[in-house]
Amino acid sequence: MTETPMSGSVRAAVVQMVSGLEVAANLADARALIDSAVDQGAKLVVLPENFAFLGRHQRDALGVAEAPGDGPIQAFLAETAQRHGITLVGGSVALQGDDSDRVRAASLVFGPNGECLARYDKRHLFDVSLPGGETYRESSTYAPGDAVVVASTPAGALGLSICYDLRFPEHYRALVDAGATILLAPSAFTATTGAAHWSVLVRARAIENGCYILAPDQGGLHANDRMTHGESLIVDPWGACVANAGIGSGAGVVVADLDMAHQQAIRERLPALSHRRG
């Protein structure tokens, strides 16, 4: 698989959605947003976490979980990537696994020929109690992954993560050590945590690794009365936000050129990655 050289560039898009209860409707919305990204020249398009389904209850995900390699959500990703000749990332898809009572939250990368190039299963699960009584227990529905995954694609070496992974910097350092040149963080950040931490975490992961990071987020009020933060971002290796969908702004697409020569120059001027000890 040919990757974008460090001296080249790639136009990338992050897609912000307000996903709901109907898979078909969500896929129709995603299709229109991807079409818009492609019309703007994007060759790498990243969808948010839970792009195809966000139910009233967390365990509703079991009802739409697909077998690996089979099902309408995966078929949509394959067909859309091939139709446009792009690298397309399904932020997270519920996939069946060995545990009949839990599924995997899998980020799937499809290449321009419609082939699934990589799968990453979310490693860090969101089991938290937030101010105001807001509680989440992802581990009751999802089984954690155990592998760090870098996808070799025509758009570059993509380091994969999902949402809550953003709070674990060691995950991203492992991705860079494994050769990642672009980091991805598709998310469904809550309004509460997003307002406090979203942009800080995304920018920090970009700065400390000298990488572009693409962070599409859910952004709006969902059928379960949950509000997600929005503010989908593309951040450069210096920590500058080069594309921002705005806070809680509903569905949309933002596009930016990832200049890999710029990234390499920052790494050479500030070679923190080579200064690590221990």
C-alpha atoms as a PDB file:
ATOM      1  CA  MET A   1       0.000   0.000   0.000  1.00  0.00           C
ATOM      2  CA  THR A   2       1.490   3.329  -1.101  1.00  0.00           C
ATOM      3  CA  GLU A   3       1.555   5.976   1.616  1.00  0.00           C
ATOM      4  CA  THR A   4       1.751   9.745   1.268  1.00  0.00           C
ATOM      5  CA  PRO A   5       5.450  10.716   1.534  1.00  0.00           C
ATOM      6  CA  MET A   6       6.503  13.037   4.347  1.00  0.00           C
ATOM      7  CA  SER A   7       7.103  15.753   1.715  1.00  0.00           C
ATOM      8  CA  GLY A   8       3.628  15.451   0.175  1.00  0.00           C
ATOM      9  CA  SER A   9       0.177  16.549   1.214  1.00  0.00           C
ATOM     10  CA  VAL A  10      -3.329  15.178   1.405  1.00  0.00           C
ATOM     11  CA  ARG A  11      -6.665  16.966   1.608  1.00  0.00           C
ATOM     12  CA  ALA A  12      -8.642  15.588   4.532  1.00  0.00           C
ATOM     13  CA  ALA A  13     -12.145  16.075   5.894  1.00  0.00           C
ATOM     14  CA  VAL A  14     -13.784  15.449   9.248  1.00  0.00           C
ATOM     15  CA  VAL A  15     -17.531  14.844   9.247  1.00  0.00           C
ATOM     16  CA  GLN A  16     -19.704  16.031  12.128  1.00  0.00           C
ATOM     17  CA  MET A  17     -23.077  14.331  12.636  1.00  0.00           C
ATOM     18  CA  VAL A  18     -26.036  14.187  15.003  1.00  0.00           C
ATOM     19  CA  SER A  19     -26.745  10.480  14.622  1.00  0.00           C
ATOM     20  CA  GLY A  20     -30.044   8.944  15.685  1.00  0.00           C
ATOM     21  CA  LEU A  21     -32.049   5.743  15.926  1.00  0.00           C
ATOM     22  CA  GLU A  22     -32.369   4.693  12.282  1.00  0.00           C
ATOM     23  CA  VAL A  23     -29.333   3.186  10.584  1.00  0.00           C
ATOM     24  CA  ALA A  24     -30.655   3.871   7.073  1.00  0.00           C
ATOM     25  CA  ALA A  25     -31.315   7.540   7.849  1.00  0.00           C
ATOM     26  CA  ASN A  26     -27.892   7.972   9.423  1.00  0.00           C
ATOM     27  CA  LEU A  27     -26.196   6.390   6.427  1.00  0.00           C
ATOM     28  CA  ALA A  28     -28.126   8.696   4.102  1.00  0.00           C
ATOM     29  CA  ASP A  29     -26.929  11.685   6.119  1.00  0.00           C
ATOM     30  CA  ALA A  30     -23.364  10.364   6.092  1.00  0.00           C
ATOM     31  CA  ARG A  31     -23.513   9.823   2.326  1.00  0.00           C
ATOM     32  CA  ALA A  32     -24.507  13.453   1.701  1.00  0.00           C
ATOM     33  CA  LEU A  33     -21.776  14.741   4.005  1.00  0.00           C
ATOM     34  CA  ILE A  34     -19.123  12.529   2.410  1.00  0.00           C
ATOM     35  CA  ASP A  35     -20.257  13.716  -1.027  1.00  0.00           C
ATOM     36  CA  SER A  36     -19.766  17.300   0.167  1.00  0.00           C
ATOM     37  CA  ALA A  37     -16.270  16.489   1.440  1.00  0.00           C
ATOM     38  CA  VAL A  38     -15.336  14.906  -1.883  1.00  0.00           C
ATOM     39  CA  ASP A  39     -16.733  17.900  -3.771  1.00  0.00           C
ATOM     40  CA  GLN A  40     -14.232  19.975  -1.767  1.00  0.00           C
ATOM     41  CA  GLY A  41     -11.381  17.727  -2.875  1.00  0.00           C
ATOM     42  CA  ALA A  42     -10.991  15.471   0.158  1.00  0.00           C
ATOM     43  CA  LYS A  43      -9.127  12.199  -0.360  1.00  0.00           C
ATOM     44  CA  LEU A  44      -9.278  11.175   3.310  1.00  0.00           C
ATOM     45  CA  VAL A  45     -12.667  11.387   5.050  1.00  0.00           C
ATOM     46  CA  VAL A  46     -13.235  10.484   8.701  1.00  0.00           C
ATOM     47  CA  LEU A  47     -16.683   9.905  10.228  1.00  0.00           C
ATOM     48  CA  PRO A  48     -17.406  10.291  13.962  1.00  0.00           C
ATOM     49  CA  GLU A  49     -17.921   7.621  16.587  1.00  0.00           C
ATOM     50  CA  ASN A  50     -21.374   5.978  16.396  1.00  0.00           C
ATOM     51  CA  PHE A  51     -21.983   7.574  13.003  1.00  0.00           C
ATOM     52  CA  ALA A  52     -24.462   4.901  11.884  1.00  0.00           C
ATOM     53  CA  PHE A  53     -26.426   4.497  15.117  1.00  0.00           C
ATOM     54  CA  LEU A  54     -26.838   6.229  18.445  1.00  0.00           C
ATOM     55  CA  GLY A  55     -29.692   4.589  20.364  1.00  0.00           C
ATOM     56  CA  ARG A  56     -31.855   5.644  23.263  1.00  0.00           C
ATOM     57  CA  HIS A  57     -30.024   3.169  25.474  1.00  0.00           C
ATOM     58  CA  GLN A  58     -26.406   2.083  25.254  1.00  0.00           C
ATOM     59  CA  ARG A  59     -27.251  -1.611  24.928  1.00  0.00           C
ATOM     60  CA  ASP A  60     -29.393  -0.887  21.867  1.00  0.00           C
ATOM     61  CA  ALA A  61     -26.090  -1.201  20.009  1.00  0.00           C
ATOM     62  CA  LEU A  62     -26.354  -4.984  20.344  1.00  0.00           C
ATOM     63  CA  GLY A  63     -29.415  -4.913  18.092  1.00  0.00           C
ATOM     64  CA  VAL A  64     -27.558  -3.326  15.172  1.00  0.00           C
ATOM     65  CA  ALA A  65     -24.176  -5.042  15.651  1.00  0.00           C
ATOM     66  CA  GLU A  66     -22.840  -6.649  12.480  1.00  0.00           C
ATOM     67  CA  ALA A  67     -20.681  -9.686  11.884  1.00  0.00           C
ATOM     68  CA  PRO A  68     -17.171  -8.657  10.829  1.00  0.00           C
ATOM     69  CA  GLY A  69     -17.116  -8.178   7.055  1.00  0.00           C
ATOM     70  CA  ASP A  70     -20.890  -8.367   6.634  1.00  0.00           C
ATOM     71  CA  GLY A  71     -23.832  -5.996   7.039  1.00  0.00           C
ATOM     72  CA  PRO A  72     -25.286  -2.762   5.650  1.00  0.00           C
ATOM     73  CA  ILE A  73     -22.991  -0.397   7.549  1.00  0.00           C
ATOM     74  CA  GLN A  74     -19.816  -2.073   6.366  1.00  0.00           C
ATOM     75  CA  ALA A  75     -21.239  -2.398   2.834  1.00  0.00           C
ATOM     76  CA  PHE A  76     -21.978   1.331   2.853  1.00  0.00           C
ATOM     77  CA  LEU A  77     -18.409   2.179   3.841  1.00  0.00           C
ATOM     78  CA  ALA A  78     -16.915  -0.115   1.200  1.00  0.00           C
ATOM     79  CA  GLU A  79     -19.199   1.107  -1.583  1.00  0.00           C
ATOM     80  CA  THR A  80     -18.764   4.784  -0.732  1.00  0.00           C
ATOM     81  CA  ALA A  81     -14.985   4.573  -0.531  1.00  0.00           C
ATOM     82  CA  GLN A  82     -14.838   2.788  -3.882  1.00  0.00           C
ATOM     83  CA  ARG A  83     -17.354   5.080  -5.597  1.00  0.00           C
ATOM     84  CA  HIS A  84     -15.344   8.163  -4.687  1.00  0.00           C
ATOM     85  CA  GLY A  85     -11.873   6.593  -4.800  1.00  0.00           C
ATOM     86  CA  ILE A  86     -11.054   7.821  -1.284  1.00  0.00           C
ATOM     87  CA  THR A  87      -9.777   6.547   2.029  1.00  0.00           C
ATOM     88  CA  LEU A  88     -12.856   6.450   4.275  1.00  0.00           C
ATOM     89  CA  VAL A  89     -12.835   5.845   8.029  1.00  0.00           C
ATOM     90  CA  GLY A  90     -15.981   4.667   9.807  1.00  0.00           C
ATOM     91  CA  GLY A  91     -15.397   6.240  13.214  1.00  0.00           C
ATOM     92  CA  SER A  92     -16.931   3.328  15.101  1.00  0.00           C
ATOM     93  CA  VAL A  93     -19.160   0.422  14.130  1.00  0.00           C
ATOM     94  CA  ALA A  94     -20.624  -2.122  16.568  1.00  0.00           C
ATOM     95  CA  LEU A  95     -19.234  -5.520  15.557  1.00  0.00           C
ATOM     96  CA  GLN A  96     -20.100  -8.907  16.983  1.00  0.00           C
ATOM     97  CA  GLY A  97     -17.385 -10.815  18.816  1.00  0.00           C
ATOM     98  CA  ASP A  98     -16.852 -13.885  20.949  1.00  0.00           C
ATOM     99  CA  ASP A  99     -18.906 -12.510  23.849  1.00  0.00           C
ATOM    100  CA  SER A 100     -22.637 -12.858  23.104  1.00  0.00           C
ATOM    101  CA  ASP A 101     -23.471 -10.187  25.692  1.00  0.00           C
ATOM    102  CA  ARG A 102     -21.008  -7.543  24.491  1.00  0.00           C
ATOM    103  CA  VAL A 103     -19.859  -6.175  21.149  1.00  0.00           C
ATOM    104  CA  ARG A 104     -16.760  -4.355  19.931  1.00  0.00           C
ATOM    105  CA  ALA A 105     -16.597  -0.671  19.004  1.00  0.00           C
ATOM    106  CA  ALA A 106     -14.499  -0.924  15.859  1.00  0.00           C
ATOM    107  CA  SER A 107     -13.017   1.846  13.739  1.00  0.00           C
ATOM    108  CA  LEU A 108     -12.844   0.589  10.147  1.00  0.00           C
ATOM    109  CA  VAL A 109     -10.617   1.975   7.388  1.00  0.00           C
ATOM    110  CA  PHE A 110     -11.617   1.409   3.762  1.00  0.00           C
ATOM    111  CA  GLY A 111      -9.384   2.135   0.791  1.00  0.00           C
ATOM    112  CA  PRO A 112     -10.220   3.540  -2.658  1.00  0.00           C
ATOM    113  CA  ASN A 113     -10.930   0.065  -4.033  1.00  0.00           C
ATOM    114  CA  GLY A 114     -13.492  -0.648  -1.300  1.00  0.00           C
ATOM    115  CA  GLU A 115     -11.226  -3.009   0.628  1.00  0.00           C
ATOM    116  CA  CYS A 116     -11.162  -2.883   4.430  1.00  0.00           C
ATOM    117  CA  LEU A 117      -7.544  -1.971   5.155  1.00  0.00           C
ATOM    118  CA  ALA A 118      -7.627  -1.950   8.957  1.00  0.00           C
ATOM    119  CA  ARG A 119      -9.781  -2.454  12.029  1.00  0.00           C
ATOM    120  CA  TYR A 120      -9.169  -0.964  15.455  1.00  0.00           C
ATOM    121  CA  ASP A 121     -11.232  -2.024  18.491  1.00  0.00           C
ATOM    122  CA  LYS A 122     -11.613   0.721  21.103  1.00  0.00           C
ATOM    123  CA  ARG A 123      -9.222  -0.013  23.962  1.00  0.00           C
ATOM    124  CA  HIS A 124     -10.352   2.437  26.639  1.00  0.00           C
ATOM    125  CA  LEU A 125     -14.008   2.267  27.665  1.00  0.00           C
ATOM    126  CA  PHE A 126     -15.953   5.236  29.045  1.00  0.00           C
ATOM    127  CA  ASP A 127     -17.039   4.159  32.546  1.00  0.00           C
ATOM    128  CA  VAL A 128     -17.544   7.459  34.369  1.00  0.00           C
ATOM    129  CA  SER A 129     -19.836   9.445  36.636  1.00  0.00           C
ATOM    130  CA  LEU A 130     -19.988  13.102  35.650  1.00  0.00           C
ATOM    131  CA  PRO A 131     -21.280  16.136  37.536  1.00  0.00           C
ATOM    132  CA  GLY A 132     -25.061  16.381  37.528  1.00  0.00           C
ATOM    133  CA  GLY A 133     -25.602  12.633  37.714  1.00  0.00           C
ATOM    134  CA  GLU A 134     -24.567  11.878  34.110  1.00  0.00           C
ATOM    135  CA  THR A 135     -23.289   8.273  34.136  1.00  0.00           C
ATOM    136  CA  TYR A 136     -21.825   6.040  31.427  1.00  0.00           C
ATOM    137  CA  ARG A 137     -20.768   2.373  31.567  1.00  0.00           C
ATOM    138  CA  GLU A 138     -19.481   1.386  28.139  1.00  0.00           C
ATOM    139  CA  SER A 139     -17.994  -1.819  29.536  1.00  0.00           C
ATOM    140  CA  SER A 140     -21.517  -3.170  30.114  1.00  0.00           C
ATOM    141  CA  THR A 141     -22.051  -3.224  26.337  1.00  0.00           C
ATOM    142  CA  TYR A 142     -18.591  -3.218  24.769  1.00  0.00           C
ATOM    143  CA  ALA A 143     -15.598  -5.496  25.194  1.00  0.00           C
ATOM    144  CA  PRO A 144     -12.269  -3.642  25.008  1.00  0.00           C
ATOM    145  CA  GLY A 145      -9.732  -4.125  22.268  1.00  0.00           C
ATOM    146  CA  ASP A 146      -6.120  -4.897  23.082  1.00  0.00           C
ATOM    147  CA  ALA A 147      -4.133  -3.837  20.007  1.00  0.00           C
ATOM    148  CA  VAL A 148      -2.622  -0.559  18.813  1.00  0.00           C
ATOM    149  CA  VAL A 149      -3.352  -0.228  15.082  1.00  0.00           C
ATOM    150  CA  VAL A 150      -1.721   1.845  12.340  1.00  0.00           C
ATOM    151  CA  ALA A 151      -3.454   1.652   8.952  1.00  0.00           C
ATOM    152  CA  SER A 152      -1.280   1.820   5.854  1.00  0.00           C
ATOM    153  CA  THR A 153      -3.325   3.776   3.275  1.00  0.00           C
ATOM    154  CA  PRO A 154      -2.871   5.964   0.182  1.00  0.00           C
ATOM    155  CA  ALA A 155      -3.535   8.947   2.479  1.00  0.00           C
ATOM    156  CA  GLY A 156      -0.696   8.025   4.830  1.00  0.00           C
ATOM    157  CA  ALA A 157      -0.049   5.910   7.905  1.00  0.00           C
ATOM    158  CA  LEU A 158      -3.141   6.479  10.054  1.00  0.00           C
ATOM    159  CA  GLY A 159      -2.924   5.984  13.819  1.00  0.00           C
ATOM    160  CA  LEU A 160      -6.338   4.838  15.019  1.00  0.00           C
ATOM    161  CA  SER A 161      -8.176   5.724  18.224  1.00  0.00           C
ATOM    162  CA  ILE A 162     -11.729   6.370  19.401  1.00  0.00           C
ATOM    163  CA  CYS A 163     -13.037   9.086  21.742  1.00  0.00           C
ATOM    164  CA  TYR A 164     -12.076   8.188  25.351  1.00  0.00           C
ATOM    165  CA  ASP A 165      -8.661   7.056  24.089  1.00  0.00           C
ATOM    166  CA  LEU A 166      -7.831  10.785  23.907  1.00  0.00           C
ATOM    167  CA  ARG A 167      -7.241  10.781  27.669  1.00  0.00           C
ATOM    168  CA  PHE A 168      -4.423   8.234  27.379  1.00  0.00           C
ATOM    169  CA  PRO A 169      -1.354   9.858  25.805  1.00  0.00           C
ATOM    170  CA  GLU A 170       0.583   6.601  25.861  1.00  0.00           C
ATOM    171  CA  HIS A 171      -1.822   5.214  23.244  1.00  0.00           C
ATOM    172  CA  TYR A 172      -0.801   7.920  20.758  1.00  0.00           C
ATOM    173  CA  ARG A 173       2.890   7.633  21.518  1.00  0.00           C
ATOM    174  CA  ALA A 174       2.603   3.916  20.757  1.00  0.00           C
ATOM    175  CA  LEU A 175       0.942   4.790  17.441  1.00  0.00           C
ATOM    176  CA  VAL A 176       3.762   7.151  16.498  1.00  0.00           C
ATOM    177  CA  ASP A 177       6.351   4.580  17.542  1.00  0.00           C
ATOM    178  CA  ALA A 178       4.562   2.150  15.203  1.00  0.00           C
ATOM    179  CA  GLY A 179       4.923   4.579  12.297  1.00  0.00           C
ATOM    180  CA  ALA A 180       1.763   6.674  12.360  1.00  0.00           C
ATOM    181  CA  THR A 181       2.090  10.027  10.580  1.00  0.00           C
ATOM    182  CA  ILE A 182      -1.550  11.139  10.944  1.00  0.00           C
ATOM    183  CA  LEU A 183      -3.630  10.553  14.089  1.00  0.00           C
ATOM    184  CA  LEU A 184      -7.400   9.998  14.097  1.00  0.00           C
ATOM    185  CA  ALA A 185      -9.777  10.480  17.030  1.00  0.00           C
ATOM    186  CA  PRO A 186     -13.421   9.999  15.940  1.00  0.00           C
ATOM    187  CA  SER A 187     -15.579  10.803  18.939  1.00  0.00           C
ATOM    188  CA  ALA A 188     -18.958  11.341  20.559  1.00  0.00           C
ATOM    189  CA  PHE A 189     -17.779  13.597  23.381  1.00  0.00           C
ATOM    190  CA  THR A 190     -20.440  14.643  25.857  1.00  0.00           C
ATOM    191  CA  ALA A 191     -21.296  18.337  26.082  1.00  0.00           C
ATOM    192  CA  THR A 192     -20.055  18.352  29.682  1.00  0.00           C
ATOM    193  CA  THR A 193     -16.623  16.853  29.072  1.00  0.00           C
ATOM    194  CA  GLY A 194     -16.303  18.466  25.663  1.00  0.00           C
ATOM    195  CA  ALA A 195     -16.709  22.003  26.960  1.00  0.00           C
ATOM    196  CA  ALA A 196     -13.994  21.398  29.549  1.00  0.00           C
ATOM    197  CA  HIS A 197     -11.498  19.145  27.793  1.00  0.00           C
ATOM    198  CA  TRP A 198     -12.129  18.424  24.078  1.00  0.00           C
ATOM    199  CA  SER A 199      -9.966  20.981  22.283  1.00  0.00           C
ATOM    200  CA  VAL A 200      -7.255  20.822  24.963  1.00  0.00           C
ATOM    201  CA  LEU A 201      -6.907  17.054  24.601  1.00  0.00           C
ATOM    202  CA  VAL A 202      -6.952  17.074  20.788  1.00  0.00           C
ATOM    203  CA  ARG A 203      -4.335  19.829  20.599  1.00  0.00           C
ATOM    204  CA  ALA A 204      -2.163  18.165  23.232  1.00  0.00           C
ATOM    205  CA  ARG A 205      -2.078  14.871  21.339  1.00  0.00           C
ATOM    206  CA  ALA A 206      -1.057  16.744  18.167  1.00  0.00           C
ATOM    207  CA  ILE A 207       1.645  18.817  19.876  1.00  0.00           C
ATOM    208  CA  GLU A 208       3.302  16.069  21.901  1.00  0.00           C
ATOM    209  CA  ASN A 209       3.526  13.748  18.885  1.00  0.00           C
ATOM    210  CA  GLY A 210       4.310  16.311  16.180  1.00  0.00           C
ATOM    211  CA  CYS A 211       1.368  15.039  14.123  1.00  0.00           C
ATOM    212  CA  TYR A 212      -1.744  16.229  12.399  1.00  0.00           C
ATOM    213  CA  ILE A 213      -4.815  14.917  14.204  1.00  0.00           C
ATOM    214  CA  LEU A 214      -8.301  14.572  12.727  1.00  0.00           C
ATOM    215  CA  ALA A 215     -11.052  14.607  15.344  1.00  0.00           C
ATOM    216  CA  PRO A 216     -14.624  14.387  14.018  1.00  0.00           C
ATOM    217  CA  ASP A 217     -17.233  14.594  16.776  1.00  0.00           C
ATOM    218  CA  GLN A 218     -20.941  14.105  17.184  1.00  0.00           C
ATOM    219  CA  GLY A 219     -22.501  17.522  17.762  1.00  0.00           C
ATOM    220  CA  GLY A 220     -26.057  18.074  18.917  1.00  0.00           C
ATOM    221  CA  LEU A 221     -29.066  16.676  20.769  1.00  0.00           C
ATOM    222  CA  HIS A 222     -29.733  12.962  20.229  1.00  0.00           C
ATOM    223  CA  ALA A 223     -32.832  10.807  20.665  1.00  0.00           C
ATOM    224  CA  ASN A 224     -31.652   9.703  24.109  1.00  0.00           C
ATOM    225  CA  ASP A 225     -31.657  13.379  25.202  1.00  0.00           C
ATOM    226  CA  ARG A 226     -27.879  13.281  25.305  1.00  0.00           C
ATOM    227  CA  MET A 227     -26.090  16.396  24.057  1.00  0.00           C
ATOM    228  CA  THR A 228     -22.754  15.914  22.334  1.00  0.00           C
ATOM    229  CA  HIS A 229     -20.153  18.641  22.042  1.00  0.00           C
ATOM    230  CA  GLY A 230     -19.391  19.034  18.342  1.00  0.00           C
ATOM    231  CA  GLU A 231     -16.420  21.279  17.493  1.00  0.00           C
ATOM    232  CA  SER A 232     -14.935  18.733  15.086  1.00  0.00           C
ATOM    233  CA  LEU A 233     -11.289  19.636  14.573  1.00  0.00           C
ATOM    234  CA  ILE A 234      -8.274  19.241  12.357  1.00  0.00           C
ATOM    235  CA  VAL A 235      -5.169  20.310  14.290  1.00  0.00           C
ATOM    236  CA  ASP A 236      -1.658  20.670  12.903  1.00  0.00           C
ATOM    237  CA  PRO A 237       1.591  19.435  14.547  1.00  0.00           C
ATOM    238  CA  TRP A 238       2.178  22.854  16.164  1.00  0.00           C
ATOM    239  CA  GLY A 239      -1.226  22.690  17.843  1.00  0.00           C
ATOM    240  CA  ALA A 240      -2.974  25.152  15.536  1.00  0.00           C
ATOM    241  CA  CYS A 241      -6.591  24.399  14.652  1.00  0.00           C
ATOM    242  CA  VAL A 242      -6.630  24.485  10.855  1.00  0.00           C
ATOM    243  CA  ALA A 243     -10.311  23.475  10.620  1.00  0.00           C
ATOM    244  CA  ASN A 244     -13.077  23.795  13.208  1.00  0.00           C
ATOM    245  CA  ALA A 245     -16.744  22.913  12.728  1.00  0.00           C
ATOM    246  CA  GLY A 246     -17.805  25.091  15.687  1.00  0.00           C
ATOM    247  CA  ILE A 247     -19.271  24.097  19.020  1.00  0.00           C
ATOM    248  CA  GLY A 248     -22.526  22.113  18.946  1.00  0.00           C
ATOM    249  CA  SER A 249     -23.204  23.277  15.407  1.00  0.00           C
ATOM    250  CA  GLY A 250     -25.075  20.230  14.100  1.00  0.00           C
ATOM    251  CA  ALA A 251     -24.035  18.249  11.045  1.00  0.00           C
ATOM    252  CA  GLY A 252     -21.355  19.489   8.689  1.00  0.00           C
ATOM    253  CA  VAL A 253     -17.960  18.984   7.079  1.00  0.00           C
ATOM    254  CA  VAL A 254     -14.660  20.823   7.439  1.00  0.00           C
ATOM    255  CA  VAL A 255     -11.675  20.279   5.160  1.00  0.00           C
ATOM    256  CA  ALA A 256      -7.967  21.077   5.385  1.00  0.00           C
ATOM    257  CA  ASP A 257      -4.755  20.205   3.577  1.00  0.00           C
ATOM    258  CA  LEU A 258      -2.329  18.136   5.638  1.00  0.00           C
ATOM    259  CA  ASP A 259       1.101  19.417   4.621  1.00  0.00           C
ATOM    260  CA  MET A 260       3.527  16.676   5.529  1.00  0.00           C
ATOM    261  CA  ALA A 261       6.554  18.842   4.714  1.00  0.00           C
ATOM    262  CA  HIS A 262       5.281  21.289   7.358  1.00  0.00           C
ATOM    263  CA  GLN A 263       4.973  18.391   9.796  1.00  0.00           C
ATOM    264  CA  GLN A 264       8.479  17.179   9.074  1.00  0.00           C
ATOM    265  CA  ALA A 265       9.899  20.682   9.464  1.00  0.00           C
ATOM    266  CA  ILE A 266       8.280  21.048  12.910  1.00  0.00           C
ATOM    267  CA  ARG A 267       9.703  17.699  13.982  1.00  0.00           C
ATOM    268  CA  GLU A 268      13.166  18.735  12.831  1.00  0.00           C
ATOM    269  CA  ARG A 269      13.058  22.131  14.549  1.00  0.00           C
ATOM    270  CA  LEU A 270      11.632  20.712  17.775  1.00  0.00           C
ATOM    271  CA  PRO A 271      12.809  17.081  17.891  1.00  0.00           C
ATOM    272  CA  ALA A 272      11.078  16.145  21.141  1.00  0.00           C
ATOM    273  CA  LEU A 273      10.359  12.617  19.914  1.00  0.00           C
ATOM    274  CA  SER A 274      14.094  11.914  19.720  1.00  0.00           C
ATOM    275  CA  HIS A 275      14.782  13.509  23.117  1.00  0.00           C
ATOM    276  CA  ARG A 276      12.783  10.963  25.122  1.00  0.00           C
ATOM    277  CA  ARG A 277      14.546   9.178  27.957  1.00  0.00           C
ATOM    278  CA  GLY A 278      13.438   5.886  29.452  1.00  0.00           C
END
